[in-house]
Amino acid sequence: MRTCTQCNKQSPDTAGECIHCGEDLSLHSATAKALKEMQSNPRVSQIRLIVAHDACPACRQNEGTYAKNATPKLPVDGCSHSTGCRCFYEPVLNVIFP
């Protein structure tokens, strides 16, 4: 499920727009917003794609650490998990304390 940051409601992974408010989920989903924030943060050197322990093969194949500009978008294309893509982003920090 994709969570819209405009109305805070969920839409299926396959939805391009929020089924409740019509916003573009490629821009206004929680994962899209998290990725954009990590990419713009100078303390983040890379972004790790974390997958669930029972992830589908498509998600498992994308698991790993990526350059900020090469991080795959979520949901993972071809995800076949019965409850939808459950992957998330984790920042790799180059500076821990200010």
C-alpha atoms as a PDB file:
ATOM      1  CA  MET A   1       0.000   0.000   0.000  1.00  0.00           C
ATOM      2  CA  ARG A   2       1.153   3.530  -0.741  1.00  0.00           C
ATOM      3  CA  THR A   3       0.383   6.300   1.745  1.00  0.00           C
ATOM      4  CA  CYS A   4      -0.483   9.704   0.311  1.00  0.00           C
ATOM      5  CA  THR A   5       1.218  12.581   2.140  1.00  0.00           C
ATOM      6  CA  GLN A   6      -1.563  14.974   1.142  1.00  0.00           C
ATOM      7  CA  CYS A   7      -4.585  13.145   2.596  1.00  0.00           C
ATOM      8  CA  ASN A   8      -2.760  10.497   4.685  1.00  0.00           C
ATOM      9  CA  LYS A   9      -4.800   7.653   3.171  1.00  0.00           C
ATOM     10  CA  GLN A  10      -3.627   4.479   1.474  1.00  0.00           C
ATOM     11  CA  SER A  11      -3.880   3.390  -2.144  1.00  0.00           C
ATOM     12  CA  PRO A  12      -2.803   0.114  -3.773  1.00  0.00           C
ATOM     13  CA  ASP A  13       0.813  -0.221  -4.950  1.00  0.00           C
ATOM     14  CA  THR A  14      -0.436  -0.203  -8.538  1.00  0.00           C
ATOM     15  CA  ALA A  15      -2.139   3.193  -8.219  1.00  0.00           C
ATOM     16  CA  GLY A  16      -0.359   6.098  -9.884  1.00  0.00           C
ATOM     17  CA  GLU A  17      -2.652   8.588  -8.214  1.00  0.00           C
ATOM     18  CA  CYS A  18      -4.190   8.582  -4.753  1.00  0.00           C
ATOM     19  CA  ILE A  19      -7.610   6.949  -5.014  1.00  0.00           C
ATOM     20  CA  HIS A  20      -8.926   9.360  -2.373  1.00  0.00           C
ATOM     21  CA  CYS A  21      -7.619  12.810  -3.359  1.00  0.00           C
ATOM     22  CA  GLY A  22      -6.108  12.280  -6.827  1.00  0.00           C
ATOM     23  CA  GLU A  23      -2.541  13.413  -5.983  1.00  0.00           C
ATOM     24  CA  ASP A  24       0.365  11.984  -7.987  1.00  0.00           C
ATOM     25  CA  LEU A  25       1.853   9.250  -5.775  1.00  0.00           C
ATOM     26  CA  SER A  26       5.207   9.377  -7.574  1.00  0.00           C
ATOM     27  CA  LEU A  27       5.591  12.779  -5.881  1.00  0.00           C
ATOM     28  CA  HIS A  28       3.272  12.637  -2.882  1.00  0.00           C
ATOM     29  CA  SER A  29       3.661   9.141  -1.428  1.00  0.00           C
ATOM     30  CA  ALA A  30       5.428   8.693   1.901  1.00  0.00           C
ATOM     31  CA  THR A  31       8.253   6.716   0.273  1.00  0.00           C
ATOM     32  CA  ALA A  32       8.741   9.246  -2.547  1.00  0.00           C
ATOM     33  CA  LYS A  33       8.939  12.054  -0.019  1.00  0.00           C
ATOM     34  CA  ALA A  34      11.385  10.100   2.191  1.00  0.00           C
ATOM     35  CA  LEU A  35      13.633   9.387  -0.798  1.00  0.00           C
ATOM     36  CA  LYS A  36      13.646  13.038  -1.868  1.00  0.00           C
ATOM     37  CA  GLU A  37      14.529  14.190   1.660  1.00  0.00           C
ATOM     38  CA  MET A  38      17.393  11.683   1.909  1.00  0.00           C
ATOM     39  CA  GLN A  39      18.711  12.643  -1.522  1.00  0.00           C
ATOM     40  CA  SER A  40      18.792  16.329  -0.569  1.00  0.00           C
ATOM     41  CA  ASN A  41      20.420  15.762   2.840  1.00  0.00           C
ATOM     42  CA  PRO A  42      24.202  16.357   2.658  1.00  0.00           C
ATOM     43  CA  ARG A  43      24.774  14.084   5.673  1.00  0.00           C
ATOM     44  CA  VAL A  44      23.416  11.109   3.709  1.00  0.00           C
ATOM     45  CA  SER A  45      26.117   9.528   1.549  1.00  0.00           C
ATOM     46  CA  GLN A  46      24.121   6.555   0.220  1.00  0.00           C
ATOM     47  CA  ILE A  47      20.660   5.038   0.570  1.00  0.00           C
ATOM     48  CA  ARG A  48      20.001   1.467   1.596  1.00  0.00           C
ATOM     49  CA  LEU A  49      16.927  -0.412   0.360  1.00  0.00           C
ATOM     50  CA  ILE A  50      15.709  -2.650   3.174  1.00  0.00           C
ATOM     51  CA  VAL A  51      13.413  -5.593   2.438  1.00  0.00           C
ATOM     52  CA  ALA A  52      11.207  -7.715   4.703  1.00  0.00           C
ATOM     53  CA  HIS A  53      12.375 -11.162   5.795  1.00  0.00           C
ATOM     54  CA  ASP A  54       9.701 -12.767   3.608  1.00  0.00           C
ATOM     55  CA  ALA A  55      10.162 -10.455   0.628  1.00  0.00           C
ATOM     56  CA  CYS A  56       9.248 -11.510  -2.881  1.00  0.00           C
ATOM     57  CA  PRO A  57      12.011 -12.288  -5.417  1.00  0.00           C
ATOM     58  CA  ALA A  58      11.729  -8.858  -7.096  1.00  0.00           C
ATOM     59  CA  CYS A  59      12.246  -7.028  -3.808  1.00  0.00           C
ATOM     60  CA  ARG A  60      15.003  -9.405  -2.682  1.00  0.00           C
ATOM     61  CA  GLN A  61      16.848  -8.717  -5.952  1.00  0.00           C
ATOM     62  CA  ASN A  62      16.790  -4.944  -5.297  1.00  0.00           C
ATOM     63  CA  GLU A  63      17.988  -5.177  -1.696  1.00  0.00           C
ATOM     64  CA  GLY A  64      21.240  -3.284  -1.157  1.00  0.00           C
ATOM     65  CA  THR A  65      22.980   0.062  -0.874  1.00  0.00           C
ATOM     66  CA  TYR A  66      22.786   2.616  -3.681  1.00  0.00           C
ATOM     67  CA  ALA A  67      24.253   5.950  -4.674  1.00  0.00           C
ATOM     68  CA  LYS A  68      21.734   8.668  -3.847  1.00  0.00           C
ATOM     69  CA  ASN A  69      20.870   9.309  -7.491  1.00  0.00           C
ATOM     70  CA  ALA A  70      20.620   5.593  -8.398  1.00  0.00           C
ATOM     71  CA  THR A  71      18.202   4.412  -5.701  1.00  0.00           C
ATOM     72  CA  PRO A  72      15.243   2.433  -7.090  1.00  0.00           C
ATOM     73  CA  LYS A  73      11.783   3.888  -6.596  1.00  0.00           C
ATOM     74  CA  LEU A  74       9.268   2.191  -4.334  1.00  0.00           C
ATOM     75  CA  PRO A  75       7.144   0.168  -4.707  1.00  0.00           C
ATOM     76  CA  VAL A  76       9.573  -2.178  -6.451  1.00  0.00           C
ATOM     77  CA  ASP A  77       8.504  -2.949 -10.027  1.00  0.00           C
ATOM     78  CA  GLY A  78       7.271  -6.524 -10.194  1.00  0.00           C
ATOM     79  CA  CYS A  79       6.661  -6.925  -6.456  1.00  0.00           C
ATOM     80  CA  SER A  80       4.457  -9.970  -5.999  1.00  0.00           C
ATOM     81  CA  HIS A  81       3.967 -10.020  -2.222  1.00  0.00           C
ATOM     82  CA  SER A  82       0.332 -10.613  -1.271  1.00  0.00           C
ATOM     83  CA  THR A  83       0.194  -7.479   0.909  1.00  0.00           C
ATOM     84  CA  GLY A  84       2.175  -5.286  -1.492  1.00  0.00           C
ATOM     85  CA  CYS A  85       5.689  -3.921  -1.386  1.00  0.00           C
ATOM     86  CA  ARG A  86       6.980  -3.583   2.152  1.00  0.00           C
ATOM     87  CA  CYS A  87      10.457  -2.282   1.323  1.00  0.00           C
ATOM     88  CA  PHE A  88      11.726   0.955   2.810  1.00  0.00           C
ATOM     89  CA  TYR A  89      14.670   3.324   2.617  1.00  0.00           C
ATOM     90  CA  GLU A  90      17.389   3.731   5.217  1.00  0.00           C
ATOM     91  CA  PRO A  91      20.003   6.506   5.037  1.00  0.00           C
ATOM     92  CA  VAL A  92      23.709   5.768   5.202  1.00  0.00           C
ATOM     93  CA  LEU A  93      25.185   8.741   7.033  1.00  0.00           C
ATOM     94  CA  ASN A  94      28.637  10.146   6.435  1.00  0.00           C
ATOM     95  CA  VAL A  95      28.380  12.365   9.526  1.00  0.00           C
ATOM     96  CA  ILE A  96      26.717  11.023  12.670  1.00  0.00           C
ATOM     97  CA  PHE A  97      26.935  14.061  14.956  1.00  0.00           C
ATOM     98  CA  PRO A  98      26.850  17.763  14.025  1.00  0.00           C
END
